[in-house]
């Protein structure tokens, strides 16, 4: 698979969120002490590291959604 291409069939509901999700990815990786390659290609990273990043991103997104929902019902 060529660099920059993805097999993922996931399509963002809000395409403008791509930059925010990328920023979140780098923030989480930094917090975990995981170095993301400068070229953005993560094919050589350990599965454990990429899984940890994805898991923490999911937790943070759920937390953000919960906070927004709690604010709507006050």
Protein backbone atom coordinates (compact mmCIF):
# COMPACT_ATOMS: atom_id res chain seq x y z
CA UNK A 1 0.00 0.00 0.00
CA UNK A 2 1.41 3.38 -0.94
CA UNK A 3 2.26 5.95 1.66
CA UNK A 4 -0.63 8.20 2.59
CA UNK A 5 -3.25 5.72 1.44
CA UNK A 6 -5.55 3.89 3.78
CA UNK A 7 -7.52 0.68 3.53
CA UNK A 8 -10.08 2.06 5.92
CA UNK A 9 -13.61 2.36 4.63
CA UNK A 10 -14.45 4.76 7.44
CA UNK A 11 -15.72 8.09 6.18
CA UNK A 12 -15.86 11.05 8.52
CA UNK A 13 -19.32 12.52 8.94
CA UNK A 14 -17.68 15.93 9.21
CA UNK A 15 -14.73 15.95 6.78
CA UNK A 16 -13.39 19.15 8.37
CA UNK A 17 -12.68 17.12 11.52
CA UNK A 18 -9.66 15.47 9.89
CA UNK A 19 -7.22 18.12 11.11
CA UNK A 20 -8.61 18.02 14.66
CA UNK A 21 -8.39 14.23 14.78
CA UNK A 22 -4.80 14.32 13.49
CA UNK A 23 -3.91 16.87 16.16
CA UNK A 24 -5.53 14.68 18.80
CA UNK A 25 -3.54 11.70 17.54
CA UNK A 26 -0.24 13.56 17.98
CA UNK A 27 -1.23 14.89 21.41
CA UNK A 28 -2.16 11.44 22.68
CA UNK A 29 1.02 9.90 21.26
CA UNK A 30 3.10 12.57 22.98
CA UNK A 31 1.32 11.98 26.30
CA UNK A 32 2.03 8.26 25.98
CA UNK A 33 5.65 8.85 24.99
CA UNK A 34 5.17 7.27 21.56
CA UNK A 35 7.09 8.76 18.65
CA UNK A 36 5.04 9.09 15.44
CA UNK A 37 7.23 9.17 12.30
CA UNK A 38 7.58 12.64 10.80
CA UNK A 39 6.41 11.44 7.40
CA UNK A 40 3.12 10.27 8.94
CA UNK A 41 3.53 6.66 7.76
CA UNK A 42 2.75 4.40 10.69
CA UNK A 43 3.25 1.07 8.93
CA UNK A 44 6.45 0.40 10.81
CA UNK A 45 5.05 1.16 14.26
CA UNK A 46 4.28 -1.59 16.75
CA UNK A 47 0.65 -2.67 16.87
CA UNK A 48 0.69 -2.18 20.63
CA UNK A 49 1.62 1.49 20.18
CA UNK A 50 -0.96 2.26 17.50
CA UNK A 51 -3.61 0.42 19.53
CA UNK A 52 -2.76 2.44 22.62
CA UNK A 53 -3.07 5.67 20.67
CA UNK A 54 -6.43 4.62 19.19
CA UNK A 55 -7.76 3.48 22.55
CA UNK A 56 -6.87 6.73 24.25
CA UNK A 57 -8.36 8.76 21.40
CA UNK A 58 -11.60 6.79 21.72
CA UNK A 59 -11.71 7.37 25.47
CA UNK A 60 -11.15 11.08 25.00
CA UNK A 61 -13.82 11.37 22.28
CA UNK A 62 -16.35 9.54 24.46
CA UNK A 63 -15.49 11.84 27.36
CA UNK A 64 -16.00 14.91 25.17
CA UNK A 65 -19.36 13.58 23.94
CA UNK A 66 -20.50 12.82 27.49
CA UNK A 67 -19.61 16.34 28.60
CA UNK A 68 -21.55 17.82 25.68
CA UNK A 69 -24.57 15.65 26.39
CA UNK A 70 -24.48 16.52 30.09
CA UNK A 71 -24.44 20.22 29.12
CA UNK A 72 -27.52 19.79 26.93
CA UNK A 73 -29.61 18.29 29.70
CA UNK A 74 -28.93 20.84 32.42
